[in-house]
Amino acid sequence: MAFHFPKSNPEQSTTTADAGLADSPHHERPRGLMRWVLTTSHKEIGSLYLLFSLAMFFIGGIFALVVRAELFQPGLQLVEPEFFNQMTTMHGLIMVFGAVMPAFVGLANWMVPLQIGAPDMALPRLNNFSFWLLPVAFTLLLSTLFMPGGAPDFGWTFYAPLSTTYAPPSTTFFILSLHLAGISSILGAINIIATILNLRAPGMRMMDMPLFVWTWLITAFLLIAVMPVLAGVITMMLMDINFGTSFFNAAGGGDPVLFQHLFWFFGHPEVYILILPAFGIVSAIIPTFARKPLFGYASMVYATASIAILSFLVWAHHMFVVGLPLVAELFFMYTTMLIAVPTGVKVFNWITTLFRGSITFEPPMLFALAFVVLFTIGGFSGLMLAIAPADFQYHDTYFVVAHFHYVLVPGAVFAIMAAVYYWLPKWTGHYPHERLSQVHFWLSVIGVNLTFFPMHFSGLAGMPRRIPDYALQFADFNMVSSLGALLYGASQLVFVLVVIKCVRGGKKAPAKAWEGAEDLEWSVPSPAPLHTFETPPTFERPAH
């Protein structure tokens, strides 16, 4: 489906915005640090989310490199087993809740109003509040490293009773940190839903919205549905630790498996919260650089909604080894295999969009194509894990680690990088440095595959996850993985260099920075002015 927008309106709205700056109360605002503390601009808050996410990405990455350095050779090398467990736990928590989720929220803040012709988010002050909860939450989480007993050491899934009966004293602070991050997510989701449903440009129907907006609308409903479940389960943990209850303590009549049911009822939709916005990003980039409309727009929307609904029906595929009744194992096995169908529809549509397209390989397209190929590998290993009797063998091995990292690193993280390269000209007014961007891409692709592909084999050979030492037969695979992790981590410094160079200067970008781009944001000047669409643009559908 093609989008056609009148050229006059966005230009008019921008002129109105610029002319109104001097007279508007927004212009009388603090300068320096307080400007960023008090800002209600969706663009500035989006930038804050992205910068925060980048900082957390590097902190979580450093924790991962500690893990990989320890596993470079058999034997205990660098850190004590207790600290190793703290590093694996903190790496997972920070990457999921501190890096990937805030990055997608930052992209939504920046792009959703621009893509639907809205002047800002519907609830700007709430937007500011929901961001500033995050630095507080993650400062609290990181501070647990310096508390007596150390940071949480029970894995990012914090299974009870490890996280209740045997937990370090800092667990209470970890629970408060997650509560704050969860409140931030819920408030952000409410804001995104209110914006999309109420502030679309006149004439823009729901089925006219770009796929990125659709995927975020569905993701926001997922967040509102599942974050309270997480809040409930960590509150039950808090009661077990501090107030003598026994929700998860078998000695007091509780059930540790209840924790797993509650956690994964949150945790599996959470996986799709981490990947659905990536689908929207790739669905914007591939048509732009293939210079063709997206194949099967409506089926992409329905597939996204189907994935979101089915994500609530598959949670116990993480629990095949806890002694589920056979009928439950069969149910969760079949529903898990069923969720591959709408995901396959998306991959088919991307490939069909590419078919006979006039394709060019700018940095956003490189990351988008790597996403399609490598995310599909992660999907195939997920189908292997969906088969209950096979999962008995794979469970808690490095095969699982390989699977979810293929989904979340070349999946979610590559999509975020593709989005940054795609929209940097709109944010900064400059194109990213072409050669450095390509260096970053190739180092990242090589690093990711060197890190995670050998883990399939070490897992199939029986190596358990979350261990600081291992048998000699796994040594070669682990050495390759550790070298790959170092390469991948170092290559992200190139990414930072590209972003800094782009912010400071470079080749000037016009309003429509990419030749095949058709969405509404490309009608706004580059860089996008602080206030856009104060006069709403009128959406026009092409005549058939």
Protein backbone atom coordinates (compact mmCIF):
# COMPACT_ATOMS: atom_id res chain seq x y z
CA MET A 1 0.00 0.00 0.00
CA ALA A 2 1.36 3.42 -0.92
CA PHE A 3 1.10 6.56 1.21
CA HIS A 4 0.67 9.98 -0.39
CA PHE A 5 0.86 13.15 1.65
CA PRO A 6 0.28 16.72 0.47
CA LYS A 7 3.57 18.58 0.50
CA SER A 8 2.05 21.86 1.60
CA ASN A 9 0.78 20.85 5.02
CA PRO A 10 3.98 19.63 6.68
CA GLU A 11 5.86 22.62 5.36
CA GLN A 12 3.09 24.87 6.60
CA SER A 13 3.10 23.16 9.99
CA THR A 14 6.85 23.52 10.29
CA THR A 15 6.69 27.19 9.40
CA THR A 16 3.93 27.65 11.94
CA ALA A 17 6.03 25.83 14.51
CA ASP A 18 9.13 27.93 13.86
CA ALA A 19 7.14 31.16 13.81
CA GLY A 20 5.37 30.19 17.01
CA LEU A 21 8.54 29.33 18.88
CA ALA A 22 9.21 32.91 19.87
CA ASP A 23 5.65 33.41 21.14
CA SER A 24 4.94 30.00 22.63
CA PRO A 25 5.31 29.29 26.35
CA HIS A 26 7.47 26.30 25.37
CA HIS A 27 10.17 28.73 24.31
CA GLU A 28 10.41 30.23 27.82
CA ARG A 29 12.03 27.13 29.27
CA PRO A 30 15.15 26.33 31.28
CA ARG A 31 18.50 26.05 29.61
CA GLY A 32 21.38 23.68 30.29
CA LEU A 33 20.79 20.63 32.47
CA MET A 34 17.32 21.64 33.68
CA ARG A 35 16.15 21.78 30.05
CA TRP A 36 16.64 18.01 29.86
CA VAL A 37 15.31 17.30 33.36
CA LEU A 38 12.03 19.14 32.75
CA THR A 39 11.54 18.63 29.00
CA THR A 40 8.15 17.49 27.72
CA SER A 41 9.17 17.35 24.03
CA HIS A 42 8.70 13.86 22.59
CA LYS A 43 11.91 14.30 20.56
CA GLU A 44 14.08 15.23 23.55
CA ILE A 45 12.56 12.50 25.74
CA GLY A 46 13.11 10.02 22.89
CA SER A 47 16.76 11.10 22.77
CA LEU A 48 17.07 10.66 26.56
CA TYR A 49 15.64 7.13 26.31
CA LEU A 50 18.09 6.26 23.52
CA LEU A 51 21.12 7.67 25.39
CA PHE A 52 20.10 5.86 28.58
CA SER A 53 19.65 2.64 26.62
CA LEU A 54 23.10 3.02 25.05
CA ALA A 55 24.70 3.49 28.48
CA MET A 56 22.92 0.39 29.82
CA PHE A 57 23.92 -1.55 26.66
CA PHE A 58 27.58 -0.93 27.44
CA ILE A 59 27.23 -1.67 31.16
CA GLY A 60 25.36 -4.92 30.43
CA GLY A 61 27.95 -5.70 27.74
CA ILE A 62 30.83 -5.27 30.20
CA PHE A 63 29.11 -7.77 32.54
CA ALA A 64 28.77 -10.20 29.60
CA LEU A 65 32.48 -9.81 28.79
CA VAL A 66 33.34 -10.71 32.41
CA VAL A 67 31.30 -13.91 31.92
CA ARG A 68 32.98 -14.71 28.60
CA ALA A 69 36.46 -13.93 29.96
CA GLU A 70 35.89 -16.44 32.77
CA LEU A 71 34.71 -19.06 30.27
CA PHE A 72 37.61 -18.50 27.85
CA GLN A 73 39.34 -21.59 29.27
CA PRO A 74 38.30 -24.42 31.61
CA GLY A 75 39.04 -23.87 35.28
CA LEU A 76 38.34 -20.88 37.53
CA GLN A 77 40.30 -17.99 35.96
CA LEU A 78 39.33 -14.49 36.98
CA VAL A 79 36.33 -14.29 39.32
CA GLU A 80 34.76 -16.27 42.13
CA PRO A 81 31.72 -18.43 41.24
CA GLU A 82 29.46 -16.18 43.36
CA PHE A 83 30.51 -13.07 41.44
CA PHE A 84 30.16 -14.98 38.16
CA ASN A 85 26.52 -15.68 39.07
CA GLN A 86 26.00 -11.99 39.88
CA MET A 87 27.41 -11.05 36.45
CA THR A 88 25.13 -13.46 34.55
CA THR A 89 22.10 -12.18 36.48
CA MET A 90 22.89 -8.47 36.13
CA HIS A 91 23.77 -8.87 32.44
CA GLY A 92 20.37 -10.38 31.67
CA LEU A 93 18.37 -7.92 33.78
CA ILE A 94 20.14 -4.85 32.40
CA MET A 95 20.04 -5.94 28.76
CA VAL A 96 16.33 -6.84 28.83
CA PHE A 97 14.89 -4.13 31.08
CA GLY A 98 17.56 -1.42 30.76
CA ALA A 99 18.84 -1.58 27.17
CA VAL A 100 16.39 -3.16 24.70
CA MET A 101 13.04 -2.03 26.17
CA PRO A 102 14.04 1.65 26.72
CA ALA A 103 15.60 1.79 23.23
CA PHE A 104 12.29 0.76 21.64
CA VAL A 105 10.39 3.23 23.86
CA GLY A 106 12.83 5.94 22.77
CA LEU A 107 12.23 5.12 19.10
CA ALA A 108 8.46 5.19 19.73
CA ASN A 109 8.76 8.59 21.42
CA TRP A 110 10.70 10.03 18.53
CA MET A 111 8.90 8.47 15.58
CA VAL A 112 5.27 7.67 16.45
CA PRO A 113 4.13 11.33 16.59
CA LEU A 114 6.06 12.07 13.37
CA GLN A 115 4.59 9.05 11.60
CA ILE A 116 0.97 9.82 12.50
CA GLY A 117 1.15 13.62 12.15
CA ALA A 118 0.78 14.37 15.88
CA PRO A 119 2.31 17.52 17.44
CA ASP A 120 3.62 15.54 20.47
CA MET A 121 2.74 12.60 22.68
CA ALA A 122 -0.74 12.77 24.20
CA LEU A 123 0.55 13.04 27.80
CA PRO A 124 3.84 14.98 27.73
CA ARG A 125 4.37 15.40 31.50
CA LEU A 126 3.63 11.73 32.11
CA ASN A 127 6.18 11.03 29.36
CA ASN A 128 8.85 12.96 31.28
CA PHE A 129 7.97 11.17 34.54
CA SER A 130 8.04 7.70 32.97
CA PHE A 131 11.55 8.32 31.64
CA TRP A 132 13.05 9.65 34.88
CA LEU A 133 11.85 6.56 36.79
CA LEU A 134 14.39 4.53 34.78
CA PRO A 135 17.70 6.12 35.89
CA VAL A 136 16.47 5.82 39.50
CA ALA A 137 15.50 2.17 39.01
CA PHE A 138 18.78 1.11 37.40
CA THR A 139 20.99 3.14 39.73
CA LEU A 140 19.27 1.20 42.52
CA LEU A 141 19.83 -2.11 40.71
CA LEU A 142 23.52 -1.39 40.02
CA SER A 143 24.05 -0.27 43.63
CA THR A 144 23.31 -3.85 44.76
CA LEU A 145 26.81 -4.78 43.49
CA PHE A 146 28.22 -2.82 46.45
CA MET A 147 25.85 -4.14 49.13
CA PRO A 148 26.65 -6.87 51.71
CA GLY A 149 26.24 -10.25 50.01
CA GLY A 150 26.57 -8.70 46.57
CA ALA A 151 24.08 -8.27 43.74
CA PRO A 152 21.29 -10.72 42.80
CA ASP A 153 22.92 -14.03 41.83
CA PHE A 154 20.00 -16.25 40.90
CA GLY A 155 19.74 -15.68 37.12
CA TRP A 156 17.69 -13.05 35.29
CA THR A 157 14.59 -15.27 35.60
CA PHE A 158 15.00 -15.13 39.44
CA TYR A 159 13.33 -18.48 40.10
CA ALA A 160 12.12 -19.12 43.65
CA PRO A 161 13.30 -20.52 46.04
CA LEU A 162 16.76 -19.37 44.84
CA SER A 163 15.56 -15.77 44.81
CA THR A 164 13.64 -16.00 48.11
CA THR A 165 15.02 -18.55 50.58
CA TYR A 166 18.67 -18.42 49.42
CA ALA A 167 18.87 -14.86 48.11
CA PRO A 168 21.37 -12.14 49.12
CA PRO A 169 19.96 -9.26 51.25
CA SER A 170 20.11 -6.93 48.21
CA THR A 171 17.17 -8.81 46.63
CA THR A 172 14.70 -6.39 48.25
CA PHE A 173 16.37 -3.49 46.39
CA PHE A 174 16.25 -5.50 43.15
CA ILE A 175 12.48 -5.95 43.66
CA LEU A 176 11.99 -2.19 44.18
CA SER A 177 14.08 -1.51 41.08
CA LEU A 178 11.90 -3.80 38.95
CA HIS A 179 8.73 -2.19 40.35
CA LEU A 180 9.96 1.25 39.28
CA ALA A 181 10.95 0.00 35.81
CA GLY A 182 7.55 -1.70 35.47
CA ILE A 183 5.67 1.49 36.40
CA SER A 184 7.74 3.33 33.77
CA SER A 185 6.78 0.73 31.13
CA ILE A 186 3.07 0.88 31.97
CA LEU A 187 2.97 4.70 31.90
CA GLY A 188 4.88 4.74 28.59
CA ALA A 189 2.46 2.19 27.11
CA ILE A 190 -0.61 4.21 28.19
CA ASN A 191 0.93 7.30 26.58
CA ILE A 192 1.63 5.52 23.28
CA ILE A 193 -1.90 4.06 23.10
CA ALA A 194 -3.48 7.45 23.88
CA THR A 195 -1.31 9.13 21.23
CA ILE A 196 -2.02 6.62 18.46
CA LEU A 197 -5.76 6.39 19.09
CA ASN A 198 -6.40 10.14 19.53
CA LEU A 199 -3.78 12.19 17.67
CA ARG A 200 -3.60 10.68 14.17
CA ALA A 201 -3.65 13.14 11.27
CA PRO A 202 -7.14 13.87 9.87
CA GLY A 203 -8.04 11.21 7.33
CA MET A 204 -5.54 8.61 8.60
CA ARG A 205 -7.39 5.41 9.40
CA MET A 206 -5.89 2.64 11.53
CA MET A 207 -5.07 0.60 8.43
CA ASP A 208 -3.18 3.58 6.97
CA MET A 209 -0.68 3.68 9.83
CA PRO A 210 2.94 2.63 9.21
CA LEU A 211 3.80 -0.86 10.48
CA PHE A 212 6.09 0.59 13.18
CA VAL A 213 3.10 2.41 14.69
CA TRP A 214 0.96 -0.75 14.49
CA THR A 215 3.60 -2.93 16.14
CA TRP A 216 4.01 -0.39 18.94
CA LEU A 217 0.25 -0.12 19.51
CA ILE A 218 0.05 -3.89 19.95
CA THR A 219 3.22 -3.94 22.08
CA ALA A 220 1.76 -1.25 24.36
CA PHE A 221 -1.33 -3.41 25.03
CA LEU A 222 0.99 -6.35 25.80
CA LEU A 223 2.91 -4.21 28.30
CA ILE A 224 -0.28 -3.15 30.09
CA ALA A 225 -1.43 -6.79 30.23
CA VAL A 226 1.75 -8.41 31.56
CA MET A 227 3.68 -5.87 33.64
CA PRO A 228 1.13 -6.15 36.50
CA VAL A 229 1.75 -9.92 36.50
CA LEU A 230 5.48 -9.25 37.02
CA ALA A 231 4.60 -6.74 39.74
CA GLY A 232 2.46 -9.38 41.43
CA VAL A 233 5.09 -12.12 41.37
CA ILE A 234 7.89 -9.89 42.71
CA THR A 235 5.54 -8.61 45.44
CA MET A 236 4.91 -12.24 46.45
CA MET A 237 8.72 -12.70 46.52
CA LEU A 238 8.97 -9.62 48.77
CA MET A 239 6.39 -11.10 51.16
CA ASP A 240 8.18 -14.47 51.26
CA ILE A 241 11.53 -12.83 52.00
CA ASN A 242 10.45 -10.23 54.57
CA PHE A 243 7.02 -11.06 55.98
CA GLY A 244 6.99 -14.82 56.58
CA THR A 245 4.58 -15.90 53.83
CA SER A 246 5.12 -19.10 51.86
CA PHE A 247 3.86 -18.49 48.34
CA PHE A 248 6.87 -20.28 46.83
CA ASN A 249 8.31 -22.14 49.84
CA ALA A 250 7.35 -25.81 49.79
CA ALA A 251 8.23 -26.17 53.50
CA GLY A 252 5.43 -23.71 54.32
CA GLY A 253 2.88 -25.20 51.93
CA GLY A 254 3.83 -23.08 48.90
CA ASP A 255 4.82 -24.18 45.42
CA PRO A 256 8.03 -23.16 43.62
CA VAL A 257 6.43 -24.17 40.30
CA LEU A 258 3.75 -21.50 40.89
CA PHE A 259 6.57 -18.95 40.56
CA GLN A 260 7.50 -20.35 37.15
CA HIS A 261 3.90 -20.23 35.92
CA LEU A 262 3.50 -16.60 37.00
CA PHE A 263 6.93 -15.53 35.76
CA TRP A 264 6.54 -17.07 32.32
CA PHE A 265 2.98 -15.80 31.94
CA PHE A 266 4.72 -12.43 32.06
CA GLY A 267 7.96 -13.61 30.47
CA HIS A 268 6.75 -15.03 27.20
CA PRO A 269 4.70 -12.00 26.11
CA GLU A 270 7.76 -10.01 27.26
CA VAL A 271 9.79 -11.79 24.56
CA TYR A 272 7.35 -10.38 21.99
CA ILE A 273 7.45 -6.95 23.63
CA LEU A 274 11.19 -7.12 22.82
CA ILE A 275 10.70 -8.17 19.18
CA LEU A 276 7.40 -6.77 17.80
CA PRO A 277 8.72 -3.18 17.46
CA ALA A 278 11.70 -4.70 15.61
CA PHE A 279 9.26 -6.18 13.10
CA GLY A 280 7.85 -2.70 12.57
CA ILE A 281 11.30 -1.19 12.01
CA VAL A 282 12.29 -3.84 9.46
CA SER A 283 8.90 -3.42 7.74
CA ALA A 284 9.75 0.28 7.25
CA ILE A 285 13.35 -0.21 6.08
CA ILE A 286 13.01 -3.09 3.59
CA PRO A 287 10.38 -1.37 1.37
CA THR A 288 12.44 1.85 1.42
CA PHE A 289 15.64 0.24 0.11
CA ALA A 290 13.86 -2.27 -2.14
CA ARG A 291 11.92 0.71 -3.57
CA LYS A 292 8.69 -1.28 -3.48
CA PRO A 293 5.60 -1.09 -1.26
CA LEU A 294 5.55 -3.60 1.58
CA PHE A 295 4.00 -6.87 0.36
CA GLY A 296 0.89 -7.86 2.31
CA TYR A 297 0.45 -4.87 4.63
CA ALA A 298 -2.88 -6.09 6.06
CA SER A 299 -1.56 -9.61 6.64
CA MET A 300 1.41 -8.09 8.53
CA VAL A 301 -0.99 -6.26 10.86
CA TYR A 302 -3.07 -9.40 11.45
CA ALA A 303 0.08 -11.51 11.92
CA THR A 304 1.36 -9.07 14.56
CA ALA A 305 -1.96 -9.19 16.42
CA SER A 306 -2.01 -13.01 16.15
CA ILE A 307 1.49 -13.26 17.63
CA ALA A 308 0.46 -11.01 20.53
CA ILE A 309 -2.65 -13.11 21.30
CA LEU A 310 -0.85 -16.46 20.93
CA SER A 311 2.00 -15.23 23.17
CA PHE A 312 -0.38 -15.65 26.15
CA LEU A 313 -1.00 -19.33 25.30
CA VAL A 314 2.57 -20.68 25.19
CA TRP A 315 4.20 -19.75 28.49
CA ALA A 316 4.71 -23.26 29.83
CA HIS A 317 6.98 -24.31 26.95
CA HIS A 318 9.70 -22.97 29.28
CA MET A 319 8.56 -25.55 31.84
CA PHE A 320 8.43 -28.90 30.03
CA VAL A 321 10.76 -30.48 32.61
CA VAL A 322 8.83 -29.50 35.79
CA GLY A 323 6.43 -32.46 35.56
CA LEU A 324 3.49 -31.00 33.63
CA PRO A 325 0.71 -33.49 32.80
CA LEU A 326 0.96 -34.92 29.29
CA VAL A 327 -2.12 -33.04 28.02
CA ALA A 328 -0.52 -29.72 29.13
CA GLU A 329 2.76 -30.60 27.43
CA LEU A 330 0.90 -31.37 24.19
CA PHE A 331 -1.15 -28.15 24.41
CA PHE A 332 1.89 -25.93 24.92
CA MET A 333 3.88 -27.80 22.29
CA TYR A 334 1.20 -27.30 19.63
CA THR A 335 0.50 -23.65 20.49
CA THR A 336 4.23 -22.91 20.38
CA MET A 337 4.51 -24.47 16.93
CA LEU A 338 1.39 -22.51 15.88
CA ILE A 339 3.00 -19.17 16.76
CA ALA A 340 5.61 -19.89 14.07
CA VAL A 341 2.88 -19.44 11.41
CA PRO A 342 2.27 -15.65 11.77
CA THR A 343 6.02 -15.17 12.25
CA GLY A 344 6.59 -17.08 9.01
CA VAL A 345 4.04 -14.83 7.29
CA LYS A 346 6.18 -11.83 8.23
CA VAL A 347 9.41 -13.39 6.92
CA PHE A 348 7.63 -14.43 3.71
CA ASN A 349 6.31 -10.87 3.23
CA TRP A 350 9.77 -9.32 3.75
CA ILE A 351 11.34 -11.72 1.24
CA THR A 352 8.53 -11.08 -1.25
CA THR A 353 9.01 -7.33 -0.83
CA LEU A 354 12.68 -7.82 -1.72
CA PHE A 355 11.83 -9.98 -4.77
CA ARG A 356 12.61 -8.02 -7.97
CA GLY A 357 13.11 -4.84 -5.98
CA SER A 358 15.64 -2.19 -6.92
CA ILE A 359 17.73 -2.98 -3.84
CA THR A 360 20.59 -0.87 -2.47
CA PHE A 361 22.67 -1.75 0.56
CA GLU A 362 22.88 1.32 2.76
CA PRO A 363 23.67 0.65 6.47
CA PRO A 364 19.99 0.45 7.59
CA MET A 365 19.29 -2.14 4.89
CA LEU A 366 22.37 -4.20 5.83
CA PHE A 367 21.18 -4.46 9.44
CA ALA A 368 17.60 -5.18 8.32
CA LEU A 369 18.71 -8.02 6.02
CA ALA A 370 20.96 -9.45 8.75
CA PHE A 371 17.94 -9.29 11.06
CA VAL A 372 15.79 -11.32 8.66
CA VAL A 373 18.44 -14.03 8.16
CA LEU A 374 19.71 -14.35 11.73
CA PHE A 375 16.35 -13.89 13.46
CA THR A 376 15.04 -16.72 11.28
CA ILE A 377 17.87 -18.95 12.57
CA GLY A 378 16.73 -18.09 16.11
CA GLY A 379 13.17 -18.95 15.10
CA PHE A 380 14.19 -22.36 13.79
CA SER A 381 16.05 -23.24 17.00
CA GLY A 382 12.92 -22.08 18.85
CA LEU A 383 10.88 -24.64 16.91
CA MET A 384 13.37 -27.30 18.01
CA LEU A 385 12.85 -26.23 21.63
CA ALA A 386 9.07 -26.33 21.13
CA ILE A 387 9.08 -30.13 20.72
CA ALA A 388 8.55 -31.34 24.30
CA PRO A 389 10.58 -34.61 24.20
CA ALA A 390 13.47 -32.84 22.43
CA ASP A 391 13.30 -29.98 24.96
CA PHE A 392 14.05 -32.48 27.73
CA GLN A 393 17.52 -32.76 26.17
CA TYR A 394 18.03 -29.07 25.34
CA HIS A 395 16.66 -27.64 28.60
CA ASP A 396 19.13 -25.57 30.66
CA THR A 397 21.95 -26.13 28.17
CA TYR A 398 23.86 -23.60 26.09
CA PHE A 399 21.55 -24.48 23.16
CA VAL A 400 18.88 -22.37 24.90
CA VAL A 401 21.38 -19.54 25.41
CA ALA A 402 22.23 -19.68 21.69
CA HIS A 403 18.52 -19.63 20.75
CA PHE A 404 17.43 -16.60 22.74
CA HIS A 405 20.55 -14.61 21.93
CA TYR A 406 19.93 -15.18 18.21
CA VAL A 407 16.44 -13.77 18.75
CA LEU A 408 17.50 -10.82 20.91
CA VAL A 409 20.90 -9.73 19.55
CA PRO A 410 20.69 -10.04 15.74
CA GLY A 411 16.94 -9.73 16.34
CA ALA A 412 16.07 -6.87 18.69
CA VAL A 413 19.49 -5.17 18.93
CA PHE A 414 20.21 -5.25 15.18
CA ALA A 415 16.74 -3.81 14.52
CA ILE A 416 17.45 -0.96 16.95
CA MET A 417 20.75 -0.26 15.17
CA ALA A 418 18.99 -0.40 11.79
CA ALA A 419 16.46 2.13 13.12
CA VAL A 420 19.20 4.45 14.39
CA TYR A 421 20.98 4.42 11.01
CA TYR A 422 17.63 4.85 9.19
CA TRP A 423 16.38 7.82 11.23
CA LEU A 424 19.68 9.52 12.17
CA PRO A 425 19.41 11.84 9.11
CA LYS A 426 15.97 12.90 10.36
CA TRP A 427 17.22 13.42 13.93
CA THR A 428 20.52 15.18 13.17
CA GLY A 429 20.25 16.50 9.60
CA HIS A 430 23.33 14.50 8.59
CA TYR A 431 23.89 11.08 7.05
CA PRO A 432 25.89 8.58 9.13
CA HIS A 433 29.44 7.99 7.90
CA GLU A 434 29.06 5.31 5.19
CA ARG A 435 32.41 3.51 5.55
CA LEU A 436 32.42 3.46 9.36
CA SER A 437 28.81 2.24 9.37
CA GLN A 438 29.74 -0.66 7.11
CA VAL A 439 32.74 -1.51 9.32
CA HIS A 440 30.40 -1.53 12.33
CA PHE A 441 27.94 -3.80 10.50
CA TRP A 442 30.46 -6.41 9.35
CA LEU A 443 32.28 -6.54 12.69
CA SER A 444 28.92 -6.91 14.46
CA VAL A 445 27.70 -9.71 12.16
CA ILE A 446 30.97 -11.64 12.43
CA GLY A 447 31.15 -11.06 16.20
CA VAL A 448 27.54 -12.17 16.81
CA ASN A 449 27.90 -15.39 14.84
CA LEU A 450 31.29 -16.23 16.37
CA THR A 451 29.80 -15.67 19.83
CA PHE A 452 26.49 -17.48 19.63
CA PHE A 453 26.66 -20.07 16.83
CA PRO A 454 29.18 -22.34 18.67
CA MET A 455 26.85 -22.31 21.68
CA HIS A 456 24.40 -24.49 19.71
CA PHE A 457 27.06 -27.20 19.53
CA SER A 458 28.32 -26.89 23.11
CA GLY A 459 24.67 -27.06 24.22
CA LEU A 460 23.91 -30.13 22.09
CA ALA A 461 27.04 -31.73 23.54
CA GLY A 462 25.58 -31.23 27.01
CA MET A 463 27.17 -28.06 28.44
CA PRO A 464 24.88 -26.58 31.14
CA ARG A 465 24.23 -22.85 31.22
CA ARG A 466 25.24 -20.54 34.09
CA ILE A 467 28.36 -22.43 35.14
CA PRO A 468 31.75 -20.74 35.75
CA ASP A 469 33.75 -23.91 34.93
CA TYR A 470 33.25 -26.74 32.45
CA ALA A 471 34.67 -30.00 31.14
CA LEU A 472 37.59 -29.97 28.70
CA GLN A 473 35.51 -31.14 25.71
CA PHE A 474 33.73 -27.75 25.59
CA ALA A 475 36.95 -25.70 25.59
CA ASP A 476 37.25 -24.95 21.87
CA PHE A 477 33.64 -23.80 21.46
CA ASN A 478 33.93 -21.55 24.50
CA MET A 479 37.18 -20.01 23.32
CA VAL A 480 35.60 -19.10 19.96
CA SER A 481 32.52 -17.67 21.74
CA SER A 482 34.65 -15.54 24.04
CA LEU A 483 36.73 -14.15 21.15
CA GLY A 484 33.51 -13.41 19.23
CA ALA A 485 32.06 -11.59 22.26
CA LEU A 486 35.18 -9.42 22.52
CA LEU A 487 34.94 -8.57 18.80
CA TYR A 488 31.23 -7.78 19.05
CA GLY A 489 31.73 -5.62 22.15
CA ALA A 490 34.64 -3.69 20.60
CA SER A 491 32.68 -3.10 17.37
CA GLN A 492 30.03 -1.18 19.33
CA LEU A 493 32.66 1.52 19.97
CA VAL A 494 32.60 2.08 16.20
CA PHE A 495 28.82 2.54 16.48
CA VAL A 496 29.29 5.25 19.12
CA LEU A 497 31.87 6.94 16.89
CA VAL A 498 29.41 6.92 13.96
CA VAL A 499 26.67 8.49 16.09
CA ILE A 500 29.00 11.19 17.49
CA LYS A 501 30.31 12.06 14.01
CA CYS A 502 26.74 12.22 12.69
CA VAL A 503 25.58 14.54 15.49
CA ARG A 504 28.58 16.84 14.98
CA GLY A 505 28.40 17.03 11.18
CA GLY A 506 28.73 15.12 7.94
CA LYS A 507 26.92 14.97 4.64
CA LYS A 508 23.74 17.06 4.83
CA ALA A 509 20.45 15.17 4.60
CA PRO A 510 17.36 16.57 2.82
CA ALA A 511 13.85 16.17 4.24
CA LYS A 512 13.49 12.89 2.34
CA ALA A 513 16.83 11.36 3.21
CA TRP A 514 16.23 7.97 1.54
CA GLU A 515 14.94 7.77 -2.01
CA GLY A 516 12.34 5.05 -1.44
CA ALA A 517 10.98 6.39 1.88
CA GLU A 518 7.25 7.23 1.80
CA ASP A 519 6.11 7.69 5.42
CA LEU A 520 5.02 11.02 6.85
CA GLU A 521 8.19 11.72 8.86
CA TRP A 522 10.12 12.24 5.60
CA SER A 523 8.03 15.32 4.77
CA VAL A 524 9.43 17.17 7.81
CA PRO A 525 12.75 19.02 7.38
CA SER A 526 15.99 17.32 8.51
CA PRO A 527 16.81 17.77 11.34
CA ALA A 528 13.22 17.69 12.55
CA PRO A 529 12.35 21.00 14.27
CA LEU A 530 11.47 20.89 17.98
CA HIS A 531 7.78 21.48 17.19
CA THR A 532 6.20 19.77 14.20
CA PHE A 533 2.62 19.41 12.96
CA GLU A 534 1.14 22.21 15.06
CA THR A 535 -1.13 22.50 12.03
CA PRO A 536 -2.14 18.86 11.42
CA PRO A 537 -1.30 17.51 7.96
CA THR A 538 -4.15 16.05 5.97
CA PHE A 539 -3.76 12.41 5.02
CA GLU A 540 -4.71 11.58 1.44
CA ARG A 541 -5.26 8.07 0.15
CA PRO A 542 -4.16 7.32 -3.42
CA ALA A 543 -6.98 7.03 -5.91
CA HIS A 544 -7.43 3.50 -7.28
